[in-house]
PDB file of N, CA and C in Angstrom:
ATOM      1  N   UNK A   1     122.688 115.454  96.830  1.00  0.00           N
ATOM      2  CA  UNK A   1     121.717 114.324  96.628  1.00  0.00           C
ATOM      3  C   UNK A   1     122.839 113.446  95.231  1.00  0.00           C
ATOM      4  N   UNK A   2     123.271 112.041  95.421  1.00  0.00           N
ATOM      5  CA  UNK A   2     123.616 111.382  94.365  1.00  0.00           C
ATOM      6  C   UNK A   2     122.489 110.802  93.375  1.00  0.00           C
ATOM      7  N   UNK A   3     122.680 110.221  92.428  1.00  0.00           N
ATOM      8  CA  UNK A   3     121.364 110.576  91.191  1.00  0.00           C
ATOM      9  C   UNK A   3     120.145 108.955  91.887  1.00  0.00           C
ATOM     10  N   UNK A   4     120.931 107.862  92.315  1.00  0.00           N
ATOM     11  CA  UNK A   4     120.475 107.383  92.875  1.00  0.00           C
ATOM     12  C   UNK A   4     119.614 107.533  93.987  1.00  0.00           C
ATOM     13  N   UNK A   5     119.756 109.177  95.062  1.00  0.00           N
ATOM     14  CA  UNK A   5     118.520 109.185  95.156  1.00  0.00           C
ATOM     15  C   UNK A   5     117.787 110.136  94.766  1.00  0.00           C
ATOM     16  N   UNK A   6     118.655 111.353  94.098  1.00  0.00           N
ATOM     17  CA  UNK A   6     117.435 112.191  93.381  1.00  0.00           C
ATOM     18  C   UNK A   6     116.218 110.692  92.820  1.00  0.00           C
ATOM     19  N   UNK A   7     116.777 109.866  92.073  1.00  0.00           N
ATOM     20  CA  UNK A   7     115.676 109.382  91.251  1.00  0.00           C
ATOM     21  C   UNK A   7     114.595 108.358  91.947  1.00  0.00           C
ATOM     22  N   UNK A   8     115.510 108.405  92.950  1.00  0.00           N
ATOM     23  CA  UNK A   8     114.055 107.808  94.216  1.00  0.00           C
ATOM     24  C   UNK A   8     113.158 108.559  94.465  1.00  0.00           C
ATOM     25  N   UNK A   9     113.478 109.870  94.892  1.00  0.00           N
ATOM     26  CA  UNK A   9     112.582 111.076  95.401  1.00  0.00           C
ATOM     27  C   UNK A   9     111.697 111.094  93.497  1.00  0.00           C
ATOM     28  N   UNK A  10     112.686 111.173  92.860  1.00  0.00           N
ATOM     29  CA  UNK A  10     111.170 112.143  91.729  1.00  0.00           C
ATOM     30  C   UNK A  10     110.343 110.813  91.560  1.00  0.00           C
ATOM     31  N   UNK A  11     110.498 109.362  91.511  1.00  0.00           N
ATOM     32  CA  UNK A  11     110.178 107.430  91.375  1.00  0.00           C
ATOM     33  C   UNK A  11     108.009 108.002  92.737  1.00  0.00           C
ATOM     34  N   UNK A  12     109.345 108.320  94.456  1.00  0.00           N
ATOM     35  CA  UNK A  12     108.246 109.052  95.268  1.00  0.00           C
ATOM     36  C   UNK A  12     107.135 110.105  94.797  1.00  0.00           C
ATOM     37  N   UNK A  13     107.276 111.030  94.308  1.00  0.00           N
ATOM     38  CA  UNK A  13     106.992 112.187  94.005  1.00  0.00           C
ATOM     39  C   UNK A  13     106.009 111.888  92.885  1.00  0.00           C
ATOM     40  N   UNK A  14     106.629 110.649  92.135  1.00  0.00           N
ATOM     41  CA  UNK A  14     105.152 111.069  90.862  1.00  0.00           C
ATOM     42  C   UNK A  14     104.013 109.328  90.911  1.00  0.00           C
ATOM     43  N   UNK A  15     104.490 108.736  92.071  1.00  0.00           N
ATOM     44  CA  UNK A  15     103.677 108.150  92.295  1.00  0.00           C
ATOM     45  C   UNK A  15     102.647 109.493  94.095  1.00  0.00           C
ATOM     46  N   UNK A  16     103.146 109.689  94.225  1.00  0.00           N
ATOM     47  CA  UNK A  16     102.133 110.385  95.521  1.00  0.00           C
ATOM     48  C   UNK A  16     101.528 111.561  94.385  1.00  0.00           C
ATOM     49  N   UNK A  17     102.262 112.482  93.475  1.00  0.00           N
ATOM     50  CA  UNK A  17     101.152 112.974  92.210  1.00  0.00           C
ATOM     51  C   UNK A  17     100.218 111.835  91.440  1.00  0.00           C
ATOM     52  N   UNK A  18     100.366 110.520  91.073  1.00  0.00           N
ATOM     53  CA  UNK A  18      99.317 110.356  90.249  1.00  0.00           C
ATOM     54  C   UNK A  18      98.703 109.576  90.823  1.00  0.00           C
ATOM     55  N   UNK A  19      98.717 109.423  92.665  1.00  0.00           N
ATOM     56  CA  UNK A  19      97.133 108.635  93.111  1.00  0.00           C
ATOM     57  C   UNK A  19      96.438 109.630  93.847  1.00  0.00           C
ATOM     58  N   UNK A  20      97.495 110.903  93.490  1.00  0.00           N
ATOM     59  CA  UNK A  20      95.971 111.836  94.470  1.00  0.00           C
ATOM     60  C   UNK A  20      95.644 112.963  92.790  1.00  0.00           C
ATOM     61  N   UNK A  21      95.790 112.186  92.072  1.00  0.00           N
ATOM     62  CA  UNK A  21      95.213 113.287  90.649  1.00  0.00           C
ATOM     63  C   UNK A  21      94.777 112.364  90.676  1.00  0.00           C
ATOM     64  N   UNK A  22      94.629 110.948  90.307  1.00  0.00           N
ATOM     65  CA  UNK A  22      92.831 109.795  90.216  1.00  0.00           C
ATOM     66  C   UNK A  22      92.248 109.799  91.423  1.00  0.00           C
ATOM     67  N   UNK A  23      93.126 109.918  93.200  1.00  0.00           N
ATOM     68  CA  UNK A  23      91.501 110.513  93.721  1.00  0.00           C
ATOM     69  C   UNK A  23      90.971 111.444  93.633  1.00  0.00           C
ATOM     70  N   UNK A  24      91.515 112.017  92.707  1.00  0.00           N
ATOM     71  CA  UNK A  24      90.648 113.910  92.947  1.00  0.00           C
ATOM     72  C   UNK A  24      89.448 113.524  91.337  1.00  0.00           C
ATOM     73  N   UNK A  25      89.765 112.760  90.650  1.00  0.00           N
ATOM     74  CA  UNK A  25      89.465 112.666  89.649  1.00  0.00           C
ATOM     75  C   UNK A  25      88.482 111.832  90.257  1.00  0.00           C
ATOM     76  N   UNK A  26      88.066 110.213  90.883  1.00  0.00           N
ATOM     77  CA  UNK A  26      87.444 109.276  90.758  1.00  0.00           C
ATOM     78  C   UNK A  26      86.815 108.961  92.106  1.00  0.00           C
ATOM     79  N   UNK A  27      87.256 109.485  93.459  1.00  0.00           N
ATOM     80  CA  UNK A  27      86.423 109.806  94.632  1.00  0.00           C
ATOM     81  C   UNK A  27      85.065 110.358  94.758  1.00  0.00           C
ATOM     82  N   UNK A  28      83.636 109.561  94.858  1.00  0.00           N
ATOM     83  CA  UNK A  28      82.757 110.619  94.514  1.00  0.00           C
ATOM     84  C   UNK A  28      82.377 111.264  96.207  1.00  0.00           C
ATOM     85  N   UNK A  29      83.331 111.686  96.621  1.00  0.00           N
ATOM     86  CA  UNK A  29      83.051 111.844  98.414  1.00  0.00           C
ATOM     87  C   UNK A  29      83.874 113.202  98.773  1.00  0.00           C
ATOM     88  N   UNK A  30      84.780 113.441  97.301  1.00  0.00           N
ATOM     89  CA  UNK A  30      85.560 114.702  97.416  1.00  0.00           C
ATOM     90  C   UNK A  30      84.721 115.771  97.174  1.00  0.00           C
ATOM     91  N   UNK A  31      84.662 116.650  98.108  1.00  0.00           N
ATOM     92  CA  UNK A  31      84.228 118.282  97.866  1.00  0.00           C
ATOM     93  C   UNK A  31      85.346 118.970  96.957  1.00  0.00           C
ATOM     94  N   UNK A  32      84.834 119.899  96.866  1.00  0.00           N
ATOM     95  CA  UNK A  32      85.922 121.391  95.007  1.00  0.00           C
ATOM     96  C   UNK A  32      86.524 121.192  96.815  1.00  0.00           C
ATOM     97  N   UNK A  33      86.260 121.171  97.615  1.00  0.00           N
ATOM     98  CA  UNK A  33      87.352 121.983  99.157  1.00  0.00           C
ATOM     99  C   UNK A  33      87.994 121.269  99.315  1.00  0.00           C
ATOM    100  N   UNK A  34      87.702 119.911  99.457  1.00  0.00           N
ATOM    101  CA  UNK A  34      88.536 119.107  99.742  1.00  0.00           C
ATOM    102  C   UNK A  34      90.050 118.227  98.553  1.00  0.00           C
ATOM    103  N   UNK A  35      89.497 118.841  97.611  1.00  0.00           N
ATOM    104  CA  UNK A  35      90.201 118.592  95.587  1.00  0.00           C
ATOM    105  C   UNK A  35      91.101 119.629  96.302  1.00  0.00           C
ATOM    106  N   UNK A  36      90.931 121.008  96.894  1.00  0.00           N
ATOM    107  CA  UNK A  36      92.024 121.700  96.096  1.00  0.00           C
ATOM    108  C   UNK A  36      92.709 121.749  97.354  1.00  0.00           C
ATOM    109  N   UNK A  37      92.796 121.460  98.097  1.00  0.00           N
ATOM    110  CA  UNK A  37      93.149 121.412 100.122  1.00  0.00           C
ATOM    111  C   UNK A  37      94.670 119.879  99.735  1.00  0.00           C
ATOM    112  N   UNK A  38      94.340 119.051  99.151  1.00  0.00           N
ATOM    113  CA  UNK A  38      95.087 118.002  98.573  1.00  0.00           C
ATOM    114  C   UNK A  38      96.307 118.481  97.837  1.00  0.00           C
ATOM    115  N   UNK A  39      95.480 118.931  96.620  1.00  0.00           N
ATOM    116  CA  UNK A  39      96.802 119.453  96.141  1.00  0.00           C
ATOM    117  C   UNK A  39      97.740 120.096  96.696  1.00  0.00           C
ATOM    118  N   UNK A  40      97.386 121.502  97.824  1.00  0.00           N
ATOM    119  CA  UNK A  40      98.528 122.397  98.650  1.00  0.00           C
ATOM    120  C   UNK A  40      99.016 121.205  99.777  1.00  0.00           C
ATOM    121  N   UNK A  41      98.496 119.646 100.002  1.00  0.00           N
ATOM    122  CA  UNK A  41      99.088 118.724 101.272  1.00  0.00           C
ATOM    123  C   UNK A  41     100.287 118.248 100.161  1.00  0.00           C
ATOM    124  N   UNK A  42      99.823 117.512  98.748  1.00  0.00           N
ATOM    125  CA  UNK A  42     100.863 117.075  97.715  1.00  0.00           C
ATOM    126  C   UNK A  42     101.517 118.215  97.656  1.00  0.00           C
ATOM    127  N   UNK A  43     101.922 118.995  97.390  1.00  0.00           N
ATOM    128  CA  UNK A  43     102.595 119.997  97.337  1.00  0.00           C
ATOM    129  C   UNK A  43     103.956 120.196  98.548  1.00  0.00           C
ATOM    130  N   UNK A  44     103.063 120.531  99.642  1.00  0.00           N
ATOM    131  CA  UNK A  44     104.035 120.466 101.014  1.00  0.00           C
ATOM    132  C   UNK A  44     105.330 119.219 101.113  1.00  0.00           C
ATOM    133  N   UNK A  45     104.595 117.513 100.320  1.00  0.00           N
ATOM    134  CA  UNK A  45     104.453 116.693 100.534  1.00  0.00           C
ATOM    135  C   UNK A  45     106.532 116.870  99.513  1.00  0.00           C
ATOM    136  N   UNK A  46     106.012 117.374  98.277  1.00  0.00           N
ATOM    137  CA  UNK A  46     106.634 117.318  96.741  1.00  0.00           C
ATOM    138  C   UNK A  46     108.158 118.239  97.036  1.00  0.00           C
ATOM    139  N   UNK A  47     107.648 119.609  97.668  1.00  0.00           N
ATOM    140  CA  UNK A  47     108.577 120.117  98.835  1.00  0.00           C
ATOM    141  C   UNK A  47     109.856 119.803  99.985  1.00  0.00           C
ATOM    142  N   UNK A  48     108.763 118.798 100.481  1.00  0.00           N
ATOM    143  CA  UNK A  48     109.105 118.617 101.511  1.00  0.00           C
ATOM    144  C   UNK A  48     110.599 117.191 100.565  1.00  0.00           C
ATOM    145  N   UNK A  49     110.102 116.937  99.558  1.00  0.00           N
ATOM    146  CA  UNK A  49     111.524 115.997  98.659  1.00  0.00           C
ATOM    147  C   UNK A  49     112.364 116.887  97.633  1.00  0.00           C
ATOM    148  N   UNK A  50     112.046 117.831  97.239  1.00  0.00           N
ATOM    149  CA  UNK A  50     112.683 119.178  96.769  1.00  0.00           C
ATOM    150  C   UNK A  50     112.719 119.949  96.440  1.00  0.00           C
ATOM    151  N   UNK A  51     113.465 121.326  97.803  1.00  0.00           N
ATOM    152  CA  UNK A  51     112.233 122.236  98.986  1.00  0.00           C
ATOM    153  C   UNK A  51     113.250 123.593  97.430  1.00  0.00           C
ATOM    154  N   UNK A  52     113.986 123.725  96.581  1.00  0.00           N
ATOM    155  CA  UNK A  52     114.210 124.528  95.820  1.00  0.00           C
ATOM    156  C   UNK A  52     112.971 124.574  94.195  1.00  0.00           C
ATOM    157  N   UNK A  53     112.346 123.807  94.379  1.00  0.00           N
ATOM    158  CA  UNK A  53     111.403 123.276  92.886  1.00  0.00           C
ATOM    159  C   UNK A  53     109.930 124.085  93.046  1.00  0.00           C
ATOM    160  N   UNK A  54     109.737 124.747  94.363  1.00  0.00           N
ATOM    161  CA  UNK A  54     108.523 125.163  94.173  1.00  0.00           C
ATOM    162  C   UNK A  54     107.609 125.811  92.976  1.00  0.00           C
ATOM    163  N   UNK A  55     109.066 126.974  92.446  1.00  0.00           N
ATOM    164  CA  UNK A  55     108.387 127.102  90.677  1.00  0.00           C
ATOM    165  C   UNK A  55     108.201 126.149  90.209  1.00  0.00           C
ATOM    166  N   UNK A  56     108.673 124.943  89.944  1.00  0.00           N
ATOM    167  CA  UNK A  56     108.592 124.159  88.900  1.00  0.00           C
ATOM    168  C   UNK A  56     107.199 122.747  89.380  1.00  0.00           C
ATOM    169  N   UNK A  57     106.547 123.197  90.976  1.00  0.00           N
ATOM    170  CA  UNK A  57     105.202 122.507  91.231  1.00  0.00           C
ATOM    171  C   UNK A  57     104.245 123.443  90.311  1.00  0.00           C
ATOM    172  N   UNK A  58     104.513 124.854  90.793  1.00  0.00           N
ATOM    173  CA  UNK A  58     103.409 125.756  90.139  1.00  0.00           C
ATOM    174  C   UNK A  58     103.408 125.656  88.599  1.00  0.00           C
ATOM    175  N   UNK A  59     104.546 125.468  88.383  1.00  0.00           N
ATOM    176  CA  UNK A  59     104.378 125.426  86.182  1.00  0.00           C
ATOM    177  C   UNK A  59     103.851 124.604  85.667  1.00  0.00           C
ATOM    178  N   UNK A  60     104.056 122.888  86.970  1.00  0.00           N
ATOM    179  CA  UNK A  60     104.512 121.770  86.238  1.00  0.00           C
ATOM    180  C   UNK A  60     103.056 120.689  86.834  1.00  0.00           C
ATOM    181  N   UNK A  61     103.223 120.845  87.762  1.00  0.00           N
ATOM    182  CA  UNK A  61     102.248 119.945  88.647  1.00  0.00           C
ATOM    183  C   UNK A  61     100.830 120.952  88.820  1.00  0.00           C
ATOM    184  N   UNK A  62     100.420 122.112  89.739  1.00  0.00           N
ATOM    185  CA  UNK A  62      99.496 122.812  89.992  1.00  0.00           C
ATOM    186  C   UNK A  62      98.396 122.640  88.447  1.00  0.00           C
ATOM    187  N   UNK A  63      99.170 123.099  87.229  1.00  0.00           N
ATOM    188  CA  UNK A  63      98.209 123.204  86.463  1.00  0.00           C
ATOM    189  C   UNK A  63      97.288 121.551  85.922  1.00  0.00           C
ATOM    190  N   UNK A  64      98.553 120.680  86.314  1.00  0.00           N
ATOM    191  CA  UNK A  64      97.709 118.882  86.022  1.00  0.00           C
ATOM    192  C   UNK A  64      96.836 118.915  86.860  1.00  0.00           C
ATOM    193  N   UNK A  65      96.794 119.140  88.464  1.00  0.00           N
ATOM    194  CA  UNK A  65      95.654 119.084  89.422  1.00  0.00           C
ATOM    195  C   UNK A  65      94.973 119.881  88.361  1.00  0.00           C
ATOM    196  N   UNK A  66      94.789 121.721  88.348  1.00  0.00           N
ATOM    197  CA  UNK A  66      93.884 122.084  87.977  1.00  0.00           C
ATOM    198  C   UNK A  66      92.756 121.751  86.836  1.00  0.00           C
ATOM    199  N   UNK A  67      93.574 121.171  85.672  1.00  0.00           N
ATOM    200  CA  UNK A  67      93.149 120.840  84.952  1.00  0.00           C
ATOM    201  C   UNK A  67      91.266 119.329  85.493  1.00  0.00           C
ATOM    202  N   UNK A  68      92.679 118.622  86.029  1.00  0.00           N
ATOM    203  CA  UNK A  68      91.646 117.687  86.762  1.00  0.00           C
ATOM    204  C   UNK A  68      90.334 117.965  87.066  1.00  0.00           C
ATOM    205  N   UNK A  69      90.546 118.639  88.393  1.00  0.00           N
ATOM    206  CA  UNK A  69      89.346 119.586  89.516  1.00  0.00           C
ATOM    207  C   UNK A  69      88.722 120.067  88.462  1.00  0.00           C
ATOM    208  N   UNK A  70      88.621 120.863  87.032  1.00  0.00           N
ATOM    209  CA  UNK A  70      87.789 121.764  86.186  1.00  0.00           C
ATOM    210  C   UNK A  70      87.079 120.692  85.552  1.00  0.00           C
ATOM    211  N   UNK A  71      87.996 119.333  85.385  1.00  0.00           N
ATOM    212  CA  UNK A  71      87.035 118.203  84.573  1.00  0.00           C
ATOM    213  C   UNK A  71      85.723 118.013  85.325  1.00  0.00           C
ATOM    214  N   UNK A  72      87.179 117.153  86.604  1.00  0.00           N
ATOM    215  CA  UNK A  72      85.828 116.878  87.654  1.00  0.00           C
ATOM    216  C   UNK A  72      84.566 117.296  88.391  1.00  0.00           C
ATOM    217  N   UNK A  73      84.482 118.407  88.461  1.00  0.00           N
ATOM    218  CA  UNK A  73      83.465 119.559  89.108  1.00  0.00           C
ATOM    219  C   UNK A  73      82.806 120.569  88.159  1.00  0.00           C
ATOM    220  N   UNK A  74      83.810 120.843  87.164  1.00  0.00           N
ATOM    221  CA  UNK A  74      82.806 120.735  86.048  1.00  0.00           C
ATOM    222  C   UNK A  74      81.448 119.821  85.300  1.00  0.00           C
ATOM    223  N   UNK A  75      82.021 118.729  85.452  1.00  0.00           N
ATOM    224  CA  UNK A  75      81.388 117.243  84.599  1.00  0.00           C
ATOM    225  C   UNK A  75      80.235 117.250  86.004  1.00  0.00           C
ATOM    226  N   UNK A  76      80.425 117.428  87.080  1.00  0.00           N
ATOM    227  CA  UNK A  76      79.140 117.009  87.844  1.00  0.00           C
ATOM    228  C   UNK A  76      78.327 118.377  88.258  1.00  0.00           C
ATOM    229  N   UNK A  77      78.594 119.222  87.629  1.00  0.00           N
ATOM    230  CA  UNK A  77      77.671 120.222  87.732  1.00  0.00           C
ATOM    231  C   UNK A  77      76.611 120.640  86.635  1.00  0.00           C
ATOM    232  N   UNK A  78      77.168 120.152  85.978  1.00  0.00           N
ATOM    233  CA  UNK A  78      76.709 120.193  84.071  1.00  0.00           C
ATOM    234  C   UNK A  78      76.006 118.655  84.795  1.00  0.00           C
ATOM    235  N   UNK A  79      75.918 117.503  84.691  1.00  0.00           N
ATOM    236  CA  UNK A  79      75.047 117.071  85.427  1.00  0.00           C
ATOM    237  C   UNK A  79      73.943 117.173  86.169  1.00  0.00           C
ATOM    238  N   UNK A  80      74.319 117.634  87.479  1.00  0.00           N
ATOM    239  CA  UNK A  80      73.422 117.969  87.899  1.00  0.00           C
ATOM    240  C   UNK A  80      72.250 119.031  87.570  1.00  0.00           C
ATOM    241  N   UNK A  81      72.714 119.823  86.815  1.00  0.00           N
ATOM    242  CA  UNK A  81      71.713 121.275  85.426  1.00  0.00           C
ATOM    243  C   UNK A  81      71.240 119.370  84.544  1.00  0.00           C
ATOM    244  N   UNK A  82      71.318 118.812  84.251  1.00  0.00           N
ATOM    245  CA  UNK A  82      70.555 117.942  83.787  1.00  0.00           C
ATOM    246  C   UNK A  82      70.151 117.179  84.365  1.00  0.00           C
ATOM    247  N   UNK A  83      70.155 116.091  85.631  1.00  0.00           N
ATOM    248  CA  UNK A  83      69.302 116.420  86.122  1.00  0.00           C
ATOM    249  C   UNK A  83      67.720 117.404  86.883  1.00  0.00           C
ATOM    250  N   UNK A  84      68.024 118.186  86.319  1.00  0.00           N
ATOM    251  CA  UNK A  84      67.084 119.114  87.192  1.00  0.00           C
ATOM    252  C   UNK A  84      66.306 119.377  86.067  1.00  0.00           C
ATOM    253  N   UNK A  85      66.228 118.853  84.733  1.00  0.00           N
ATOM    254  CA  UNK A  85      65.764 119.703  83.466  1.00  0.00           C
ATOM    255  C   UNK A  85      64.928 118.378  83.320  1.00  0.00           C
TER     256      UNK A  85
END
C-alpha cells in the first residue's frame, strides 16, 4: 500500500471513529448494549482497512470508546438516581 492510499484509509478511519464516538456520546436513544455493539462494528470496519492492527485498536481506540461510554451511561444513571429523590 502506498502512502497516498494509507493516508486515505487513515482519514476514513478517523471520520468513522469520531462520528461513532459523537453518536455514542449524544444519541439519547442509544442503550448501553447498542453502544457496545457499535464499538464492535467500528472495530470490524477498522480491521477491514488495517487487518494487521487489531492490537492497535485494542490499545488506542477501544479505551477512547470505553471512556465515552462510561461517561455517558454513568451520567445518565446519576441523573436517574437524583430524579428519584
